[in-house]
Amino acid sequence: MTFGINQVILVGQLLNAPEIKMLTTGSEMVTFTLAIEMEKHVEKHVVKIYGHLTEQAAVLTQGIWIYLEGHLQTHTSKDLTGQTHEHIEIIVGQKGVLQVLDE
């Protein structure tokens, strides 16, 4: 059996303060948007943090630079007109890394 690799390493700046959500399982999830400045544009990625890193992620502030390691996760949703949209998020879970760069 062949397995692929799904690993993301990003260095970027938080566009917004982290949002903490309580999941139905009782655990927390922290979400924010990360901006990565490219040569001609800015990439924006939705990041979701789970597990032991939520405590660290919850105290991050808008504008701070971070390094993270996680993986991609794709899901679909339908809008009010019934059109399907695909969303790609960065997931940082138990095996992920989150490090503040500019303290």
PDB file of N, CA and C in Angstrom:
ATOM      1  N   MET A   1       0.837  -1.173   0.000  1.00  0.00           N
ATOM      2  CA  MET A   1       0.000   0.000   0.000  1.00  0.00           C
ATOM      3  C   MET A   1       0.887   1.242   0.000  1.00  0.00           C
ATOM      4  N   THR A   2       0.524   2.236  -0.794  1.00  0.00           N
ATOM      5  CA  THR A   2       1.283   3.467  -0.898  1.00  0.00           C
ATOM      6  C   THR A   2       0.576   4.581  -0.139  1.00  0.00           C
ATOM      7  N   PHE A   3       1.345   5.374   0.587  1.00  0.00           N
ATOM      8  CA  PHE A   3       0.795   6.505   1.323  1.00  0.00           C
ATOM      9  C   PHE A   3       1.438   7.785   0.819  1.00  0.00           C
ATOM     10  N   GLY A   4       0.667   8.852   0.802  1.00  0.00           N
ATOM     11  CA  GLY A   4       1.189  10.155   0.414  1.00  0.00           C
ATOM     12  C   GLY A   4       1.640  10.928   1.640  1.00  0.00           C
ATOM     13  N   ILE A   5       2.157  12.097   1.399  1.00  0.00           N
ATOM     14  CA  ILE A   5       2.589  12.986   2.476  1.00  0.00           C
ATOM     15  C   ILE A   5       1.733  14.244   2.406  1.00  0.00           C
ATOM     16  N   ASN A   6       1.159  14.607   3.528  1.00  0.00           N
ATOM     17  CA  ASN A   6       0.347  15.815   3.634  1.00  0.00           C
ATOM     18  C   ASN A   6       0.928  16.633   4.776  1.00  0.00           C
ATOM     19  N   GLN A   7       1.881  17.490   4.463  1.00  0.00           N
ATOM     20  CA  GLN A   7       2.543  18.305   5.473  1.00  0.00           C
ATOM     21  C   GLN A   7       2.658  19.734   4.962  1.00  0.00           C
ATOM     22  N   VAL A   8       2.360  20.684   5.842  1.00  0.00           N
ATOM     23  CA  VAL A   8       2.427  22.099   5.510  1.00  0.00           C
ATOM     24  C   VAL A   8       3.328  22.783   6.525  1.00  0.00           C
ATOM     25  N   ILE A   9       4.243  23.600   6.043  1.00  0.00           N
ATOM     26  CA  ILE A   9       5.082  24.438   6.904  1.00  0.00           C
ATOM     27  C   ILE A   9       4.873  25.873   6.437  1.00  0.00           C
ATOM     28  N   LEU A  10       4.434  26.739   7.351  1.00  0.00           N
ATOM     29  CA  LEU A  10       4.161  28.127   7.001  1.00  0.00           C
ATOM     30  C   LEU A  10       4.795  29.078   8.005  1.00  0.00           C
ATOM     31  N   VAL A  11       5.237  30.217   7.510  1.00  0.00           N
ATOM     32  CA  VAL A  11       5.659  31.336   8.350  1.00  0.00           C
ATOM     33  C   VAL A  11       4.842  32.523   7.872  1.00  0.00           C
ATOM     34  N   GLY A  12       4.106  33.129   8.789  1.00  0.00           N
ATOM     35  CA  GLY A  12       3.254  34.242   8.399  1.00  0.00           C
ATOM     36  C   GLY A  12       2.814  35.064   9.589  1.00  0.00           C
ATOM     37  N   GLN A  13       1.922  35.992   9.301  1.00  0.00           N
ATOM     38  CA  GLN A  13       1.465  36.964  10.286  1.00  0.00           C
ATOM     39  C   GLN A  13      -0.041  36.809  10.497  1.00  0.00           C
ATOM     40  N   LEU A  14      -0.473  36.818  11.764  1.00  0.00           N
ATOM     41  CA  LEU A  14      -1.892  36.695  12.076  1.00  0.00           C
ATOM     42  C   LEU A  14      -2.643  37.933  11.602  1.00  0.00           C
ATOM     43  N   LEU A  15      -3.711  37.707  10.820  1.00  0.00           N
ATOM     44  CA  LEU A  15      -4.538  38.815  10.344  1.00  0.00           C
ATOM     45  C   LEU A  15      -5.589  39.222  11.364  1.00  0.00           C
ATOM     46  N   ASN A  16      -5.928  38.314  12.253  1.00  0.00           N
ATOM     47  CA  ASN A  16      -6.956  38.588  13.248  1.00  0.00           C
ATOM     48  C   ASN A  16      -6.605  37.891  14.558  1.00  0.00           C
ATOM     49  N   ALA A  17      -7.240  38.336  15.616  1.00  0.00           N
ATOM     50  CA  ALA A  17      -7.042  37.674  16.908  1.00  0.00           C
ATOM     51  C   ALA A  17      -7.641  36.272  16.839  1.00  0.00           C
ATOM     52  N   PRO A  18      -7.034  35.299  17.494  1.00  0.00           N
ATOM     53  CA  PRO A  18      -7.555  33.935  17.479  1.00  0.00           C
ATOM     54  C   PRO A  18      -8.962  33.866  18.078  1.00  0.00           C
ATOM     55  N   GLU A  19      -9.766  32.983  17.510  1.00  0.00           N
ATOM     56  CA  GLU A  19     -11.123  32.747  17.987  1.00  0.00           C
ATOM     57  C   GLU A  19     -11.161  31.364  18.625  1.00  0.00           C
ATOM     58  N   ILE A  20     -11.652  31.281  19.854  1.00  0.00           N
ATOM     59  CA  ILE A  20     -11.712  30.006  20.570  1.00  0.00           C
ATOM     60  C   ILE A  20     -13.127  29.464  20.474  1.00  0.00           C
ATOM     61  N   LYS A  21     -13.247  28.194  20.058  1.00  0.00           N
ATOM     62  CA  LYS A  21     -14.557  27.552  19.953  1.00  0.00           C
ATOM     63  C   LYS A  21     -14.543  26.265  20.760  1.00  0.00           C
ATOM     64  N   MET A  22     -15.641  26.007  21.455  1.00  0.00           N
ATOM     65  CA  MET A  22     -15.801  24.758  22.189  1.00  0.00           C
ATOM     66  C   MET A  22     -16.497  23.761  21.261  1.00  0.00           C
ATOM     67  N   LEU A  23     -15.908  22.594  21.095  1.00  0.00           N
ATOM     68  CA  LEU A  23     -16.473  21.565  20.236  1.00  0.00           C
ATOM     69  C   LEU A  23     -17.471  20.717  21.024  1.00  0.00           C
ATOM     70  N   THR A  24     -18.316  19.983  20.317  1.00  0.00           N
ATOM     71  CA  THR A  24     -19.308  19.129  20.987  1.00  0.00           C
ATOM     72  C   THR A  24     -18.650  18.035  21.814  1.00  0.00           C
ATOM     73  N   THR A  25     -17.400  17.728  21.522  1.00  0.00           N
ATOM     74  CA  THR A  25     -16.656  16.715  22.280  1.00  0.00           C
ATOM     75  C   THR A  25     -16.163  17.253  23.619  1.00  0.00           C
ATOM     76  N   GLY A  26     -16.290  18.582  23.808  1.00  0.00           N
ATOM     77  CA  GLY A  26     -15.802  19.201  25.034  1.00  0.00           C
ATOM     78  C   GLY A  26     -14.402  19.774  24.907  1.00  0.00           C
ATOM     79  N   SER A  27     -13.723  19.487  23.817  1.00  0.00           N
ATOM     80  CA  SER A  27     -12.378  20.041  23.618  1.00  0.00           C
ATOM     81  C   SER A  27     -12.482  21.379  22.882  1.00  0.00           C
ATOM     82  N   GLU A  28     -11.386  22.116  22.890  1.00  0.00           N
ATOM     83  CA  GLU A  28     -11.358  23.432  22.255  1.00  0.00           C
ATOM     84  C   GLU A  28     -10.687  23.385  20.889  1.00  0.00           C
ATOM     85  N   MET A  29     -11.059  24.357  20.055  1.00  0.00           N
ATOM     86  CA  MET A  29     -10.414  24.583  18.770  1.00  0.00           C
ATOM     87  C   MET A  29     -10.140  26.081  18.691  1.00  0.00           C
ATOM     88  N   VAL A  30      -8.966  26.438  18.222  1.00  0.00           N
ATOM     89  CA  VAL A  30      -8.616  27.846  18.022  1.00  0.00           C
ATOM     90  C   VAL A  30      -8.447  28.060  16.525  1.00  0.00           C
ATOM     91  N   THR A  31      -9.052  29.114  16.006  1.00  0.00           N
ATOM     92  CA  THR A  31      -8.966  29.390  14.580  1.00  0.00           C
ATOM     93  C   THR A  31      -8.556  30.847  14.336  1.00  0.00           C
ATOM     94  N   PHE A  32      -7.796  31.057  13.257  1.00  0.00           N
ATOM     95  CA  PHE A  32      -7.380  32.402  12.857  1.00  0.00           C
ATOM     96  C   PHE A  32      -6.979  32.361  11.391  1.00  0.00           C
ATOM     97  N   THR A  33      -6.770  33.537  10.817  1.00  0.00           N
ATOM     98  CA  THR A  33      -6.311  33.636   9.433  1.00  0.00           C
ATOM     99  C   THR A  33      -4.852  34.068   9.443  1.00  0.00           C
ATOM    100  N   LEU A  34      -4.046  33.350   8.677  1.00  0.00           N
ATOM    101  CA  LEU A  34      -2.617  33.617   8.586  1.00  0.00           C
ATOM    102  C   LEU A  34      -2.313  34.210   7.211  1.00  0.00           C
ATOM    103  N   ALA A  35      -1.564  35.304   7.180  1.00  0.00           N
ATOM    104  CA  ALA A  35      -1.177  35.951   5.924  1.00  0.00           C
ATOM    105  C   ALA A  35       0.284  35.648   5.632  1.00  0.00           C
ATOM    106  N   ILE A  36       0.542  35.229   4.395  1.00  0.00           N
ATOM    107  CA  ILE A  36       1.903  34.973   3.941  1.00  0.00           C
ATOM    108  C   ILE A  36       2.150  35.887   2.745  1.00  0.00           C
ATOM    109  N   GLU A  37       3.069  36.823   2.909  1.00  0.00           N
ATOM    110  CA  GLU A  37       3.350  37.783   1.850  1.00  0.00           C
ATOM    111  C   GLU A  37       4.236  37.133   0.792  1.00  0.00           C
ATOM    112  N   MET A  38       3.720  37.087  -0.426  1.00  0.00           N
ATOM    113  CA  MET A  38       4.453  36.545  -1.557  1.00  0.00           C
ATOM    114  C   MET A  38       5.015  37.729  -2.357  1.00  0.00           C
ATOM    115  N   GLU A  39       5.682  37.434  -3.453  1.00  0.00           N
ATOM    116  CA  GLU A  39       6.308  38.499  -4.236  1.00  0.00           C
ATOM    117  C   GLU A  39       5.288  39.500  -4.775  1.00  0.00           C
ATOM    118  N   LYS A  40       4.152  39.005  -5.292  1.00  0.00           N
ATOM    119  CA  LYS A  40       3.189  39.905  -5.928  1.00  0.00           C
ATOM    120  C   LYS A  40       1.806  39.899  -5.285  1.00  0.00           C
ATOM    121  N   HIS A  41       1.612  39.105  -4.268  1.00  0.00           N
ATOM    122  CA  HIS A  41       0.312  39.061  -3.606  1.00  0.00           C
ATOM    123  C   HIS A  41       0.458  38.488  -2.195  1.00  0.00           C
ATOM    124  N   VAL A  42      -0.636  38.513  -1.454  1.00  0.00           N
ATOM    125  CA  VAL A  42      -0.647  37.965  -0.100  1.00  0.00           C
ATOM    126  C   VAL A  42      -1.558  36.742  -0.081  1.00  0.00           C
ATOM    127  N   GLU A  43      -1.028  35.611   0.343  1.00  0.00           N
ATOM    128  CA  GLU A  43      -1.818  34.395   0.527  1.00  0.00           C
ATOM    129  C   GLU A  43      -2.456  34.445   1.907  1.00  0.00           C
ATOM    130  N   LYS A  44      -3.725  34.096   1.991  1.00  0.00           N
ATOM    131  CA  LYS A  44      -4.426  34.053   3.274  1.00  0.00           C
ATOM    132  C   LYS A  44      -4.929  32.637   3.504  1.00  0.00           C
ATOM    133  N   HIS A  45      -4.613  32.085   4.671  1.00  0.00           N
ATOM    134  CA  HIS A  45      -4.986  30.713   4.992  1.00  0.00           C
ATOM    135  C   HIS A  45      -5.735  30.662   6.315  1.00  0.00           C
ATOM    136  N   VAL A  46      -6.826  29.907   6.330  1.00  0.00           N
ATOM    137  CA  VAL A  46      -7.542  29.644   7.574  1.00  0.00           C
ATOM    138  C   VAL A  46      -6.794  28.534   8.297  1.00  0.00           C
ATOM    139  N   VAL A  47      -6.466  28.781   9.567  1.00  0.00           N
ATOM    140  CA  VAL A  47      -5.719  27.818  10.382  1.00  0.00           C
ATOM    141  C   VAL A  47      -6.607  27.390  11.541  1.00  0.00           C
ATOM    142  N   LYS A  48      -6.651  26.083  11.790  1.00  0.00           N
ATOM    143  CA  LYS A  48      -7.387  25.542  12.935  1.00  0.00           C
ATOM    144  C   LYS A  48      -6.418  24.749  13.797  1.00  0.00           C
ATOM    145  N   ILE A  49      -6.401  25.075  15.096  1.00  0.00           N
ATOM    146  CA  ILE A  49      -5.493  24.444  16.053  1.00  0.00           C
ATOM    147  C   ILE A  49      -6.310  23.560  16.988  1.00  0.00           C
ATOM    148  N   TYR A  50      -5.859  22.324  17.180  1.00  0.00           N
ATOM    149  CA  TYR A  50      -6.512  21.371  18.079  1.00  0.00           C
ATOM    150  C   TYR A  50      -5.487  20.816  19.065  1.00  0.00           C
ATOM    151  N   GLY A  51      -5.990  20.213  20.133  1.00  0.00           N
ATOM    152  CA  GLY A  51      -5.117  19.482  21.050  1.00  0.00           C
ATOM    153  C   GLY A  51      -4.342  20.382  21.988  1.00  0.00           C
ATOM    154  N   HIS A  52      -3.145  19.926  22.326  1.00  0.00           N
ATOM    155  CA  HIS A  52      -2.338  20.597  23.353  1.00  0.00           C
ATOM    156  C   HIS A  52      -1.876  22.003  22.955  1.00  0.00           C
ATOM    157  N   LEU A  53      -1.937  22.355  21.685  1.00  0.00           N
ATOM    158  CA  LEU A  53      -1.477  23.674  21.235  1.00  0.00           C
ATOM    159  C   LEU A  53      -2.549  24.759  21.330  1.00  0.00           C
ATOM    160  N   THR A  54      -3.787  24.393  21.686  1.00  0.00           N
ATOM    161  CA  THR A  54      -4.850  25.401  21.749  1.00  0.00           C
ATOM    162  C   THR A  54      -4.579  26.447  22.825  1.00  0.00           C
ATOM    163  N   GLU A  55      -4.016  26.030  23.939  1.00  0.00           N
ATOM    164  CA  GLU A  55      -3.714  26.970  25.022  1.00  0.00           C
ATOM    165  C   GLU A  55      -2.706  28.025  24.562  1.00  0.00           C
ATOM    166  N   GLN A  56      -1.683  27.587  23.852  1.00  0.00           N
ATOM    167  CA  GLN A  56      -0.668  28.503  23.329  1.00  0.00           C
ATOM    168  C   GLN A  56      -1.262  29.405  22.242  1.00  0.00           C
ATOM    169  N   ALA A  57      -2.084  28.830  21.373  1.00  0.00           N
ATOM    170  CA  ALA A  57      -2.657  29.591  20.261  1.00  0.00           C
ATOM    171  C   ALA A  57      -3.668  30.626  20.731  1.00  0.00           C
ATOM    172  N   ALA A  58      -4.355  30.353  21.815  1.00  0.00           N
ATOM    173  CA  ALA A  58      -5.411  31.244  22.303  1.00  0.00           C
ATOM    174  C   ALA A  58      -4.883  32.607  22.732  1.00  0.00           C
ATOM    175  N   VAL A  59      -3.626  32.696  23.100  1.00  0.00           N
ATOM    176  CA  VAL A  59      -3.072  33.971  23.582  1.00  0.00           C
ATOM    177  C   VAL A  59      -2.290  34.734  22.508  1.00  0.00           C
ATOM    178  N   LEU A  60      -2.276  34.226  21.283  1.00  0.00           N
ATOM    179  CA  LEU A  60      -1.627  34.950  20.189  1.00  0.00           C
ATOM    180  C   LEU A  60      -2.403  36.232  19.909  1.00  0.00           C
ATOM    181  N   THR A  61      -1.742  37.212  19.332  1.00  0.00           N
ATOM    182  CA  THR A  61      -2.391  38.483  19.040  1.00  0.00           C
ATOM    183  C   THR A  61      -2.265  38.825  17.563  1.00  0.00           C
ATOM    184  N   GLN A  62      -3.185  39.648  17.103  1.00  0.00           N
ATOM    185  CA  GLN A  62      -3.176  40.088  15.714  1.00  0.00           C
ATOM    186  C   GLN A  62      -1.839  40.744  15.387  1.00  0.00           C
ATOM    187  N   GLY A  63      -1.282  40.403  14.221  1.00  0.00           N
ATOM    188  CA  GLY A  63      -0.035  41.005  13.762  1.00  0.00           C
ATOM    189  C   GLY A  63       1.219  40.238  14.129  1.00  0.00           C
ATOM    190  N   ILE A  64       1.112  39.275  15.029  1.00  0.00           N
ATOM    191  CA  ILE A  64       2.286  38.517  15.468  1.00  0.00           C
ATOM    192  C   ILE A  64       2.730  37.553  14.355  1.00  0.00           C
ATOM    193  N   TRP A  65       4.034  37.311  14.279  1.00  0.00           N
ATOM    194  CA  TRP A  65       4.597  36.369  13.309  1.00  0.00           C
ATOM    195  C   TRP A  65       4.740  35.003  13.959  1.00  0.00           C
ATOM    196  N   ILE A  66       4.317  33.959  13.229  1.00  0.00           N
ATOM    197  CA  ILE A  66       4.426  32.597  13.757  1.00  0.00           C
ATOM    198  C   ILE A  66       4.967  31.638  12.698  1.00  0.00           C
ATOM    199  N   TYR A  67       5.495  30.540  13.197  1.00  0.00           N
ATOM    200  CA  TYR A  67       5.920  29.386  12.393  1.00  0.00           C
ATOM    201  C   TYR A  67       4.975  28.263  12.779  1.00  0.00           C
ATOM    202  N   LEU A  68       4.461  27.532  11.791  1.00  0.00           N
ATOM    203  CA  LEU A  68       3.621  26.385  12.127  1.00  0.00           C
ATOM    204  C   LEU A  68       3.853  25.225  11.179  1.00  0.00           C
ATOM    205  N   GLU A  69       3.593  24.039  11.693  1.00  0.00           N
ATOM    206  CA  GLU A  69       3.620  22.809  10.904  1.00  0.00           C
ATOM    207  C   GLU A  69       2.303  22.094  11.132  1.00  0.00           C
ATOM    208  N   GLY A  70       1.679  21.692  10.045  1.00  0.00           N
ATOM    209  CA  GLY A  70       0.406  20.992  10.134  1.00  0.00           C
ATOM    210  C   GLY A  70       0.133  20.248   8.843  1.00  0.00           C
ATOM    211  N   HIS A  71      -1.148  20.107   8.507  1.00  0.00           N
ATOM    212  CA  HIS A  71      -1.513  19.441   7.259  1.00  0.00           C
ATOM    213  C   HIS A  71      -2.736  20.120   6.649  1.00  0.00           C
ATOM    214  N   LEU A  72      -2.971  19.845   5.371  1.00  0.00           N
ATOM    215  CA  LEU A  72      -4.120  20.395   4.658  1.00  0.00           C
ATOM    216  C   LEU A  72      -5.343  19.530   4.895  1.00  0.00           C
ATOM    217  N   GLN A  73      -6.497  20.187   4.972  1.00  0.00           N
ATOM    218  CA  GLN A  73      -7.763  19.452   5.048  1.00  0.00           C
ATOM    219  C   GLN A  73      -8.761  20.173   4.158  1.00  0.00           C
ATOM    220  N   THR A  74      -9.431  19.429   3.302  1.00  0.00           N
ATOM    221  CA  THR A  74     -10.394  19.993   2.365  1.00  0.00           C
ATOM    222  C   THR A  74     -11.800  19.578   2.765  1.00  0.00           C
ATOM    223  N   HIS A  75     -12.740  20.514   2.685  1.00  0.00           N
ATOM    224  CA  HIS A  75     -14.147  20.167   2.890  1.00  0.00           C
ATOM    225  C   HIS A  75     -14.996  21.021   1.963  1.00  0.00           C
ATOM    226  N   THR A  76     -16.227  20.598   1.754  1.00  0.00           N
ATOM    227  CA  THR A  76     -17.136  21.326   0.878  1.00  0.00           C
ATOM    228  C   THR A  76     -18.326  21.842   1.676  1.00  0.00           C
ATOM    229  N   SER A  77     -18.918  22.915   1.168  1.00  0.00           N
ATOM    230  CA  SER A  77     -20.131  23.464   1.764  1.00  0.00           C
ATOM    231  C   SER A  77     -20.998  24.012   0.639  1.00  0.00           C
ATOM    232  N   LYS A  78     -22.285  24.162   0.938  1.00  0.00           N
ATOM    233  CA  LYS A  78     -23.209  24.738  -0.038  1.00  0.00           C
ATOM    234  C   LYS A  78     -23.670  26.099   0.458  1.00  0.00           C
ATOM    235  N   ASP A  79     -23.729  27.055  -0.471  1.00  0.00           N
ATOM    236  CA  ASP A  79     -24.224  28.378  -0.101  1.00  0.00           C
ATOM    237  C   ASP A  79     -25.750  28.404  -0.206  1.00  0.00           C
ATOM    238  N   LEU A  80     -26.350  29.561   0.001  1.00  0.00           N
ATOM    239  CA  LEU A  80     -27.811  29.686   0.002  1.00  0.00           C
ATOM    240  C   LEU A  80     -28.437  29.397  -1.356  1.00  0.00           C
ATOM    241  N   THR A  81     -27.648  29.521  -2.427  1.00  0.00           N
ATOM    242  CA  THR A  81     -28.164  29.233  -3.767  1.00  0.00           C
ATOM    243  C   THR A  81     -28.003  27.763  -4.139  1.00  0.00           C
ATOM    244  N   GLY A  82     -27.374  26.986  -3.258  1.00  0.00           N
ATOM    245  CA  GLY A  82     -27.164  25.566  -3.527  1.00  0.00           C
ATOM    246  C   GLY A  82     -25.857  25.259  -4.222  1.00  0.00           C
ATOM    247  N   GLN A  83     -25.066  26.277  -4.495  1.00  0.00           N
ATOM    248  CA  GLN A  83     -23.782  26.068  -5.159  1.00  0.00           C
ATOM    249  C   GLN A  83     -22.764  25.507  -4.165  1.00  0.00           C
ATOM    250  N   THR A  84     -21.997  24.525  -4.603  1.00  0.00           N
ATOM    251  CA  THR A  84     -20.998  23.879  -3.756  1.00  0.00           C
ATOM    252  C   THR A  84     -19.666  24.619  -3.847  1.00  0.00           C
ATOM    253  N   HIS A  85     -19.041  24.816  -2.678  1.00  0.00           N
ATOM    254  CA  HIS A  85     -17.739  25.477  -2.599  1.00  0.00           C
ATOM    255  C   HIS A  85     -16.765  24.567  -1.862  1.00  0.00           C
ATOM    256  N   GLU A  86     -15.540  24.541  -2.334  1.00  0.00           N
ATOM    257  CA  GLU A  86     -14.493  23.749  -1.688  1.00  0.00           C
ATOM    258  C   GLU A  86     -13.604  24.674  -0.869  1.00  0.00           C
ATOM    259  N   HIS A  87     -13.303  24.266   0.368  1.00  0.00           N
ATOM    260  CA  HIS A  87     -12.475  25.059   1.273  1.00  0.00           C
ATOM    261  C   HIS A  87     -11.258  24.236   1.684  1.00  0.00           C
ATOM    262  N   ILE A  88     -10.108  24.866   1.693  1.00  0.00           N
ATOM    263  CA  ILE A  88      -8.887  24.205   2.149  1.00  0.00           C
ATOM    264  C   ILE A  88      -8.411  24.929   3.398  1.00  0.00           C
ATOM    265  N   GLU A  89      -8.190  24.171   4.467  1.00  0.00           N
ATOM    266  CA  GLU A  89      -7.752  24.738   5.739  1.00  0.00           C
ATOM    267  C   GLU A  89      -6.442  24.096   6.158  1.00  0.00           C
ATOM    268  N   ILE A  90      -5.716  24.812   6.997  1.00  0.00           N
ATOM    269  CA  ILE A  90      -4.497  24.286   7.592  1.00  0.00           C
ATOM    270  C   ILE A  90      -4.867  23.774   8.978  1.00  0.00           C
ATOM    271  N   ILE A  91      -4.596  22.510   9.238  1.00  0.00           N
ATOM    272  CA  ILE A  91      -4.908  21.890  10.522  1.00  0.00           C
ATOM    273  C   ILE A  91      -3.606  21.644  11.278  1.00  0.00           C
ATOM    274  N   VAL A  92      -3.539  22.148  12.505  1.00  0.00           N
ATOM    275  CA  VAL A  92      -2.391  21.905  13.378  1.00  0.00           C
ATOM    276  C   VAL A  92      -2.932  21.118  14.566  1.00  0.00           C
ATOM    277  N   GLY A  93      -2.604  19.838  14.596  1.00  0.00           N
ATOM    278  CA  GLY A  93      -3.126  18.949  15.631  1.00  0.00           C
ATOM    279  C   GLY A  93      -2.052  18.480  16.591  1.00  0.00           C
ATOM    280  N   GLN A  94      -2.256  17.286  17.127  1.00  0.00           N
ATOM    281  CA  GLN A  94      -1.369  16.731  18.154  1.00  0.00           C
ATOM    282  C   GLN A  94       0.094  16.665  17.711  1.00  0.00           C
ATOM    283  N   LYS A  95       0.329  16.366  16.448  1.00  0.00           N
ATOM    284  CA  LYS A  95       1.707  16.241  15.958  1.00  0.00           C
ATOM    285  C   LYS A  95       2.223  17.537  15.336  1.00  0.00           C
ATOM    286  N   GLY A  96       1.446  18.603  15.443  1.00  0.00           N
ATOM    287  CA  GLY A  96       1.814  19.872  14.832  1.00  0.00           C
ATOM    288  C   GLY A  96       2.796  20.673  15.667  1.00  0.00           C
ATOM    289  N   VAL A  97       3.253  21.775  15.076  1.00  0.00           N
ATOM    290  CA  VAL A  97       4.192  22.690  15.730  1.00  0.00           C
ATOM    291  C   VAL A  97       3.638  24.101  15.589  1.00  0.00           C
ATOM    292  N   LEU A  98       3.717  24.872  16.661  1.00  0.00           N
ATOM    293  CA  LEU A  98       3.327  26.277  16.660  1.00  0.00           C
ATOM    294  C   LEU A  98       4.364  27.049  17.454  1.00  0.00           C
ATOM    295  N   GLN A  99       5.010  28.015  16.801  1.00  0.00           N
ATOM    296  CA  GLN A  99       6.081  28.765  17.458  1.00  0.00           C
ATOM    297  C   GLN A  99       5.942  30.252  17.127  1.00  0.00           C
ATOM    298  N   VAL A 100       5.991  31.094  18.153  1.00  0.00           N
ATOM    299  CA  VAL A 100       5.974  32.546  17.970  1.00  0.00           C
ATOM    300  C   VAL A 100       7.372  32.986  17.565  1.00  0.00           C
ATOM    301  N   LEU A 101       7.459  33.856  16.547  1.00  0.00           N
ATOM    302  CA  LEU A 101       8.765  34.267  16.032  1.00  0.00           C
ATOM    303  C   LEU A 101       9.213  35.644  16.484  1.00  0.00           C
ATOM    304  N   ASP A 102       8.309  36.519  16.871  1.00  0.00           N
ATOM    305  CA  ASP A 102       8.747  37.890  17.134  1.00  0.00           C
ATOM    306  C   ASP A 102       8.454  38.366  18.557  1.00  0.00           C
ATOM    307  N   GLU A 103       8.843  37.618  19.533  1.00  0.00           N
ATOM    308  CA  GLU A 103       8.687  38.061  20.919  1.00  0.00           C
ATOM    309  C   GLU A 103       9.980  38.661  21.414  1.00  0.00           C
TER     310      GLU A 103
END
